[in-house]
Protein backbone atom coordinates (compact mmCIF):
# COMPACT_ATOMS: atom_id res chain seq x y z
CA UNK A 1 0.00 0.00 0.00
CA UNK A 2 2.87 2.36 0.84
CA UNK A 3 4.37 1.67 -2.58
CA UNK A 4 1.07 2.54 -4.27
CA UNK A 5 0.72 5.78 -2.28
CA UNK A 6 4.30 6.73 -3.16
CA UNK A 7 3.58 6.05 -6.84
CA UNK A 8 0.40 8.22 -6.76
CA UNK A 9 2.33 10.95 -4.96
CA UNK A 10 4.96 10.86 -7.70
CA UNK A 11 2.27 11.24 -10.37
CA UNK A 12 0.81 14.24 -8.56
CA UNK A 13 4.24 15.88 -8.48
CA UNK A 14 4.72 15.28 -12.21
CA UNK A 15 1.35 16.85 -12.94
CA UNK A 16 1.96 19.94 -10.81
CA UNK A 17 5.42 20.44 -12.32
CA UNK A 18 4.03 20.47 -15.86
CA UNK A 19 2.54 23.91 -16.50
CA UNK A 20 0.89 22.87 -19.77
CA UNK A 21 -0.97 20.06 -18.02
CA UNK A 22 -2.13 22.42 -15.27
CA UNK A 23 -3.35 24.95 -17.83
CA UNK A 24 -5.36 22.29 -19.63
CA UNK A 25 -6.62 20.78 -16.37
CA UNK A 26 -7.70 23.97 -14.59
CA UNK A 27 -7.55 26.76 -17.14
CA UNK A 28 -9.48 25.14 -19.98
CA UNK A 29 -12.71 24.55 -17.95
CA UNK A 30 -12.73 28.20 -16.87
CA UNK A 31 -12.23 29.39 -20.45
CA UNK A 32 -14.89 27.04 -21.81
CA UNK A 33 -17.50 27.94 -19.20
CA UNK A 34 -16.82 31.65 -19.74
CA UNK A 35 -17.06 31.40 -23.52
CA UNK A 36 -20.13 29.19 -23.55
CA UNK A 37 -21.82 31.17 -20.79
CA UNK A 38 -21.38 34.60 -22.35
CA UNK A 39 -21.02 33.92 -26.08
CA UNK A 40 -23.81 31.39 -26.59
CA UNK A 41 -26.89 33.54 -26.29
CA UNK A 42 -29.91 34.20 -28.46
CA UNK A 43 -30.70 37.41 -26.61
CA UNK A 44 -30.49 40.70 -28.46
CA UNK A 45 -28.89 43.80 -26.98
CA UNK A 46 -28.18 47.08 -28.77
CA UNK A 47 -28.90 45.70 -32.24
CA UNK A 48 -28.10 48.38 -34.80
CA UNK A 49 -31.20 49.47 -36.70
CA UNK A 50 -32.41 52.40 -38.82
CA UNK A 51 -35.80 54.10 -38.97
CA UNK A 52 -37.59 55.64 -41.94
CA UNK A 53 -40.46 57.78 -40.65
CA UNK A 54 -42.84 58.70 -43.47
CA UNK A 55 -45.51 60.07 -41.14
CA UNK A 56 -43.59 62.53 -38.93
CA UNK A 57 -46.35 62.89 -36.34
CA UNK A 58 -46.50 62.57 -32.58
CA UNK A 59 -47.48 58.89 -32.67
CA UNK A 60 -44.66 57.86 -35.00
CA UNK A 61 -42.27 59.77 -32.74
CA UNK A 62 -43.63 57.95 -29.69
CA UNK A 63 -43.12 54.62 -31.46
CA UNK A 64 -39.51 55.50 -32.31
CA UNK A 65 -38.91 56.53 -28.69
CA UNK A 66 -40.48 53.26 -27.55
CA UNK A 67 -38.13 51.26 -29.77
CA UNK A 68 -35.12 53.20 -28.53
CA UNK A 69 -36.12 52.91 -24.86
CA UNK A 70 -36.62 49.13 -25.04
CA UNK A 71 -32.87 48.54 -24.61
CA UNK A 72 -32.83 45.95 -27.37
CA UNK A 73 -32.10 48.34 -30.23
CA UNK A 74 -29.63 51.07 -31.06
CA UNK A 75 -31.08 53.45 -33.65
CA UNK A 76 -28.02 54.28 -35.75
CA UNK A 77 -29.78 56.62 -38.16
CA UNK A 78 -33.13 58.05 -39.19
CA UNK A 79 -33.32 57.70 -42.95
CA UNK A 80 -34.88 60.08 -45.43
CA UNK A 81 -35.72 57.70 -48.28
CA UNK A 82 -36.25 54.00 -48.90
CA UNK A 83 -33.20 53.87 -51.19
CA UNK A 84 -30.95 54.54 -48.21
CA UNK A 85 -31.97 51.27 -46.55
CA UNK A 86 -30.13 48.89 -48.87
CA UNK A 87 -27.07 51.16 -48.86
CA UNK A 88 -26.99 50.98 -45.05
CA UNK A 89 -27.25 47.19 -45.23
CA UNK A 90 -24.44 47.01 -47.80
CA UNK A 91 -22.16 49.05 -45.55
CA UNK A 92 -22.92 46.71 -42.65
CA UNK A 93 -24.14 49.57 -40.46
CA UNK A 94 -27.51 48.09 -39.55
CA UNK A 95 -29.24 44.73 -39.15
CA UNK A 96 -32.81 45.94 -39.55
CA UNK A 97 -34.81 48.94 -40.77
CA UNK A 98 -38.26 50.06 -39.61
CA UNK A 99 -40.42 51.92 -42.11
CA UNK A 100 -43.38 53.77 -40.55
CA UNK A 101 -46.12 54.32 -43.13
CA UNK A 102 -47.79 57.57 -44.18
CA UNK A 103 -50.45 59.03 -41.87
CA UNK A 104 -49.48 56.60 -39.12
CA UNK A 105 -50.96 58.68 -36.29
CA UNK A 106 -54.11 59.51 -38.25
CA UNK A 107 -54.78 55.83 -38.93
CA UNK A 108 -54.19 55.00 -35.26
CA UNK A 109 -56.80 57.54 -34.16
CA UNK A 110 -59.42 56.64 -36.80
CA UNK A 111 -59.02 52.88 -36.30
CA UNK A 112 -57.70 52.18 -39.79
CA UNK A 113 -54.78 49.89 -40.54
CA UNK A 114 -51.57 51.64 -39.46
CA UNK A 115 -48.75 50.33 -41.64
CA UNK A 116 -45.23 49.40 -40.55
CA UNK A 117 -42.66 47.58 -42.64
CA UNK A 118 -39.76 45.65 -41.18
CA UNK A 119 -36.79 45.21 -43.53
CA UNK A 120 -34.16 42.78 -42.28
CA UNK A 121 -30.70 41.74 -43.42
CA UNK A 122 -31.47 38.04 -43.88
CA UNK A 123 -27.92 37.10 -44.84
CA UNK A 124 -27.91 36.02 -41.18
CA UNK A 125 -31.41 34.52 -40.93
CA UNK A 126 -31.20 33.52 -37.25
CA UNK A 127 -30.34 37.04 -36.09
CA UNK A 128 -32.89 38.53 -38.49
CA UNK A 129 -35.69 36.39 -37.05
CA UNK A 130 -34.71 37.09 -33.45
CA UNK A 131 -34.55 40.87 -34.01
CA UNK A 132 -37.90 40.81 -35.83
CA UNK A 133 -39.54 38.94 -32.95
CA UNK A 134 -38.15 41.41 -30.41
CA UNK A 135 -39.46 44.28 -32.51
CA UNK A 136 -42.89 42.65 -32.78
CA UNK A 137 -43.04 42.54 -28.98
CA UNK A 138 -42.24 46.27 -28.83
CA UNK A 139 -45.05 47.00 -31.34
CA UNK A 140 -47.46 44.89 -29.30
CA UNK A 141 -46.54 46.80 -26.16
CA UNK A 142 -46.94 50.12 -27.99
CA UNK A 143 -50.47 49.36 -29.19
CA UNK A 144 -51.47 48.15 -25.74
CA UNK A 145 -50.22 51.32 -24.06
CA UNK A 146 -51.61 53.70 -26.68
CA UNK A 147 -55.07 52.12 -26.57
CA UNK A 148 -56.18 53.87 -29.77
CA UNK A 149 -56.72 50.74 -31.86
CA UNK A 150 -56.78 46.95 -31.47
CA UNK A 151 -53.38 45.30 -32.02
CA UNK A 152 -54.91 43.47 -35.00
CA UNK A 153 -55.26 46.80 -36.86
CA UNK A 154 -51.50 47.33 -36.84
CA UNK A 155 -50.49 46.05 -40.26
CA UNK A 156 -46.88 44.80 -40.19
CA UNK A 157 -45.12 43.71 -43.35
CA UNK A 158 -41.77 41.90 -43.10
CA UNK A 159 -39.29 41.91 -45.96
CA UNK A 160 -36.17 39.74 -45.99
CA UNK A 161 -33.34 41.28 -48.01
CA UNK A 162 -30.66 39.05 -49.62
CA UNK A 163 -32.44 35.89 -48.47
CA UNK A 164 -36.18 36.16 -49.23
CA UNK A 165 -36.76 32.44 -48.62
CA UNK A 166 -35.07 32.72 -45.21
CA UNK A 167 -32.80 29.75 -45.92
CA UNK A 168 -30.39 28.98 -43.10
CA UNK A 169 -27.89 27.48 -45.56
CA UNK A 170 -27.05 31.04 -46.62
CA UNK A 171 -25.61 31.54 -43.14
CA UNK A 172 -23.98 28.14 -42.67
CA UNK A 173 -22.09 27.84 -45.96
CA UNK A 174 -20.01 31.05 -45.48
CA UNK A 175 -19.54 30.21 -41.80
CA UNK A 176 -18.50 26.61 -42.38
CA UNK A 177 -16.17 27.71 -45.18
CA UNK A 178 -14.53 30.17 -42.78
CA UNK A 179 -14.13 27.62 -39.99
CA UNK A 180 -12.74 24.92 -42.29
CA UNK A 181 -10.23 27.22 -43.98
CA UNK A 182 -9.11 28.66 -40.65
CA UNK A 183 -8.67 25.31 -38.90
CA UNK A 184 -7.20 23.34 -41.80
CA UNK A 185 -4.80 26.10 -42.85
CA UNK A 186 -3.67 26.86 -39.31
CA UNK A 187 -3.38 23.19 -38.34
CA UNK A 188 -1.33 22.31 -41.42
CA UNK A 189 1.24 25.04 -40.82
CA UNK A 190 1.22 24.73 -37.02
CA UNK A 191 3.11 21.44 -37.19
CA UNK A 192 5.70 22.39 -39.84
CA UNK A 193 8.46 23.93 -37.71
CA UNK A 194 7.52 21.76 -34.73
CA UNK A 195 8.03 18.71 -36.97
CA UNK A 196 11.50 19.97 -37.92
CA UNK A 197 12.37 20.24 -34.23
CA UNK A 198 11.05 16.77 -33.41
CA UNK A 199 12.77 15.07 -36.35
CA UNK A 200 16.07 16.82 -35.65
CA UNK A 201 16.18 18.49 -39.08
CA UNK A 202 16.03 21.95 -37.55
CA UNK A 203 19.83 22.03 -37.53
CA UNK A 204 19.82 21.94 -41.33
CA UNK A 205 17.73 25.09 -41.41
CA UNK A 206 19.92 26.70 -38.75
CA UNK A 207 23.10 26.28 -40.78
CA UNK A 208 21.51 27.06 -44.15
CA UNK A 209 22.07 30.47 -45.77
CA UNK A 210 18.30 31.00 -45.96
CA UNK A 211 16.95 33.97 -44.03
CA UNK A 212 13.95 33.61 -41.70
CA UNK A 213 11.57 35.41 -44.07
CA UNK A 214 12.61 33.12 -46.94
CA UNK A 215 12.00 30.03 -44.79
CA UNK A 216 8.65 31.45 -43.71
CA UNK A 217 7.53 32.03 -47.30
CA UNK A 218 8.85 28.62 -48.32
CA UNK A 219 6.80 26.99 -45.58
CA UNK A 220 3.65 28.91 -46.51
CA UNK A 221 3.54 28.59 -50.32
CA UNK A 222 2.76 24.83 -50.60
CA UNK A 223 0.03 25.05 -47.97
CA UNK A 224 -1.33 28.21 -49.60
CA UNK A 225 -1.85 26.37 -52.88
CA UNK A 226 -3.43 23.37 -51.14
CA UNK A 227 -5.72 25.63 -49.10
CA UNK A 228 -6.82 27.45 -52.27
CA UNK A 229 -7.84 24.08 -53.74
CA UNK A 230 -9.78 23.43 -50.52
CA UNK A 231 -11.49 26.82 -50.78
CA UNK A 232 -12.47 26.26 -54.42
CA UNK A 233 -13.92 22.85 -53.54
CA UNK A 234 -16.00 24.30 -50.69
CA UNK A 235 -17.13 27.19 -52.88
CA UNK A 236 -18.23 24.88 -55.69
CA UNK A 237 -20.17 22.73 -53.22
CA UNK A 238 -21.87 25.82 -51.86
CA UNK A 239 -22.81 27.13 -55.30
CA UNK A 240 -23.94 23.94 -57.02
CA UNK A 241 -25.04 21.63 -54.19
CA UNK A 242 -26.51 24.10 -51.67
CA UNK A 243 -27.51 26.69 -54.31
CA UNK A 244 -25.75 29.62 -52.68
CA UNK A 245 -26.19 32.80 -54.73
CA UNK A 246 -23.18 34.68 -56.07
CA UNK A 247 -24.08 38.31 -56.73
CA UNK A 248 -20.59 39.81 -56.51
CA UNK A 249 -17.28 39.54 -58.33
CA UNK A 250 -15.55 36.16 -58.44
CA UNK A 251 -12.17 37.90 -58.72
CA UNK A 252 -12.84 39.97 -55.59
CA UNK A 253 -14.06 36.89 -53.72
CA UNK A 254 -11.00 34.88 -54.74
CA UNK A 255 -8.67 37.70 -53.65
CA UNK A 256 -10.34 37.92 -50.25
CA UNK A 257 -10.16 34.13 -49.83
CA UNK A 258 -6.42 34.17 -50.55
CA UNK A 259 -5.93 36.99 -48.02
CA UNK A 260 -7.85 35.07 -45.36
CA UNK A 261 -5.92 31.87 -46.07
CA UNK A 262 -2.66 33.80 -45.70
CA UNK A 263 -3.74 35.13 -42.30
CA UNK A 264 -4.70 31.61 -41.19
CA UNK A 265 -1.39 30.14 -42.42
CA UNK A 266 0.60 32.84 -40.63
CA UNK A 267 -1.33 32.18 -37.43
CA UNK A 268 -0.55 28.48 -37.67
CA UNK A 269 3.10 29.19 -38.42
CA UNK A 270 3.33 31.47 -35.38
CA UNK A 271 1.95 28.66 -33.21
CA UNK A 272 4.51 26.32 -34.76
CA UNK A 273 7.45 28.58 -33.86
CA UNK A 274 6.34 28.62 -30.22
CA UNK A 275 5.57 24.90 -29.89
CA UNK A 276 8.26 22.36 -29.13
CA UNK A 277 6.35 19.29 -30.36
CA UNK A 278 3.79 18.53 -33.06
CA UNK A 279 1.31 17.40 -30.41
CA UNK A 280 1.55 20.74 -28.60
CA UNK A 281 1.19 22.63 -31.86
CA UNK A 282 -1.85 20.61 -32.90
CA UNK A 283 -3.48 21.04 -29.50
CA UNK A 284 -2.80 24.78 -29.56
CA UNK A 285 -4.26 25.23 -33.04
CA UNK A 286 -7.31 23.09 -32.28
CA UNK A 287 -8.27 24.42 -28.84
CA UNK A 288 -6.94 27.93 -29.34
CA UNK A 289 -8.63 28.53 -32.70
CA UNK A 290 -11.64 26.25 -33.09
CA UNK A 291 -13.80 27.51 -30.22
CA UNK A 292 -13.07 31.25 -30.68
CA UNK A 293 -13.64 30.92 -34.44
CA UNK A 294 -17.02 29.25 -33.96
CA UNK A 295 -18.23 31.25 -30.96
CA UNK A 296 -16.74 34.74 -31.39
CA UNK A 297 -16.73 35.25 -35.16
CA UNK A 298 -20.44 36.00 -35.51
CA UNK A 299 -20.92 32.76 -37.42
CA UNK A 300 -23.76 31.54 -35.18
CA UNK A 301 -24.21 34.00 -32.32
CA UNK A 302 -24.55 37.81 -32.70
CA UNK A 303 -21.43 39.60 -31.50
CA UNK A 304 -23.39 42.72 -30.49
CA UNK A 305 -25.13 40.73 -27.73
CA UNK A 306 -21.87 39.54 -26.15
CA UNK A 307 -20.06 41.27 -23.26
CA UNK A 308 -17.79 44.12 -24.34
CA UNK A 309 -14.59 42.21 -23.52
CA UNK A 310 -15.60 39.36 -25.85
CA UNK A 311 -16.50 41.86 -28.56
CA UNK A 312 -12.99 43.30 -28.33
CA UNK A 313 -11.49 39.81 -28.53
CA UNK A 314 -13.57 39.10 -31.63
CA UNK A 315 -11.95 42.09 -33.36
CA UNK A 316 -8.59 40.30 -33.51
CA UNK A 317 -10.05 37.16 -35.08
CA UNK A 318 -9.54 37.03 -38.86
CA UNK A 319 -12.66 34.84 -39.12
CA UNK A 320 -14.96 37.66 -37.98
CA UNK A 321 -13.87 39.99 -40.77
CA UNK A 322 -13.86 37.26 -43.43
CA UNK A 323 -17.45 36.21 -42.66
CA UNK A 324 -18.58 39.82 -43.14
CA UNK A 325 -16.62 40.02 -46.41
CA UNK A 326 -17.82 36.75 -47.92
CA UNK A 327 -21.49 37.43 -47.07
CA UNK A 328 -21.24 40.92 -48.52
CA UNK A 329 -19.79 39.69 -51.80
CA UNK A 330 -21.90 36.57 -52.28
CA UNK A 331 -25.27 37.63 -50.90
CA UNK A 332 -25.26 41.43 -51.22
CA UNK A 333 -23.16 41.74 -54.38
CA UNK A 334 -21.05 44.55 -52.95
CA UNK A 335 -17.86 45.75 -54.58
CA UNK A 336 -14.58 46.52 -52.87
CA UNK A 337 -15.49 49.91 -51.41
CA UNK A 338 -18.12 48.73 -48.85
CA UNK A 339 -15.74 46.04 -47.55
CA UNK A 340 -12.53 48.09 -47.76
CA UNK A 341 -12.40 48.54 -43.98
CA UNK A 342 -12.81 44.82 -43.26
CA UNK A 343 -10.24 43.98 -45.94
CA UNK A 344 -7.81 46.48 -44.43
CA UNK A 345 -8.22 44.94 -40.97
CA UNK A 346 -7.67 41.45 -42.39
CA UNK A 347 -4.55 42.59 -44.26
CA UNK A 348 -3.23 44.31 -41.12
CA UNK A 349 -3.74 41.15 -39.03
CA UNK A 350 -1.92 39.11 -41.70
CA UNK A 351 1.06 41.50 -41.73
CA UNK A 352 1.28 41.57 -37.92
CA UNK A 353 1.20 37.77 -37.74
CA UNK A 354 3.89 37.52 -40.44
CA UNK A 355 6.17 39.97 -38.62
CA UNK A 356 5.66 38.17 -35.31
CA UNK A 357 6.40 34.81 -36.93
CA UNK A 358 9.65 36.04 -38.51
CA UNK A 359 10.79 37.71 -35.28
CA UNK A 360 10.02 34.61 -33.29
CA UNK A 361 11.86 32.50 -35.82
CA UNK A 362 14.90 34.77 -35.50
CA UNK A 363 14.95 34.14 -31.76
CA UNK A 364 15.00 30.42 -32.48
CA UNK A 365 17.86 30.88 -34.94
CA UNK A 366 19.94 32.76 -32.45
């Protein structure tokens, strides 16, 4: 029995001496509970919307104030014409627009049908449906409080832009494409330098005349070409099997895909320079990228409803910006100008990751 206790005691000492094991054992549950607890939510808070008031009377003003005071919506702008709605959607400024019909207050008082139109950005059908339902509840509350007409006389028309059939596949194909490209690209490159260290071939690179940036590019190019083939395969499946629309430029889409793949490859290569073994690199790329990419990229859950700290973390994820870009090109048919900001952020992240990888590689060389 003493021998068994001594053996167990030895195992405990080994565990507590290994920082990586302790991080996985105690740190990972905390991270997972925090992410799942705060990120996985179907609640809406401060959803960005716009209002087009065609009535301009006291009742339409009260309705706008009611929407704003609900706490669920953030009225970004009050539009002057219907043509401004689609432009606001294309720029990614709003998720929903409320159009209050002519003579809204007059129809409320006389008992006629008072018209309201809800226009949603259905490129993300889940969020569009949730926001619409929240808004319906606000309208119901407004008619109850006003008491000027039965709720049934409030005529509400809902219009789904970019996805009139409200097909969820329009959300999942861009999201799945993003997750697959991120994970596969990062995982492939995350083991490259770690494999050199494990196999003992790192010394060959150390004594070679190649500079760190040359080695970095040499490591990236083969995986870049393979990842592009992956992206084309996924894109073809989305277009011909799942009937995804393609309203934008194929050249622009391909350029953005290459930029995103580069950012993913650089991220994987950075992980590889810091990992001592392939197993550590694989674990880091899987656990460190998979959950944040799925939970914090806006793929499934709205980022605007997350705590501020998680929203800031989402800003540094290449996946967040790529999902916005690919949906804008494929579903909205936007050109480069509306997505220039997102493209700039993605390019900046790629450059920063490349610089960090090269600097880290230099430390290894020295």
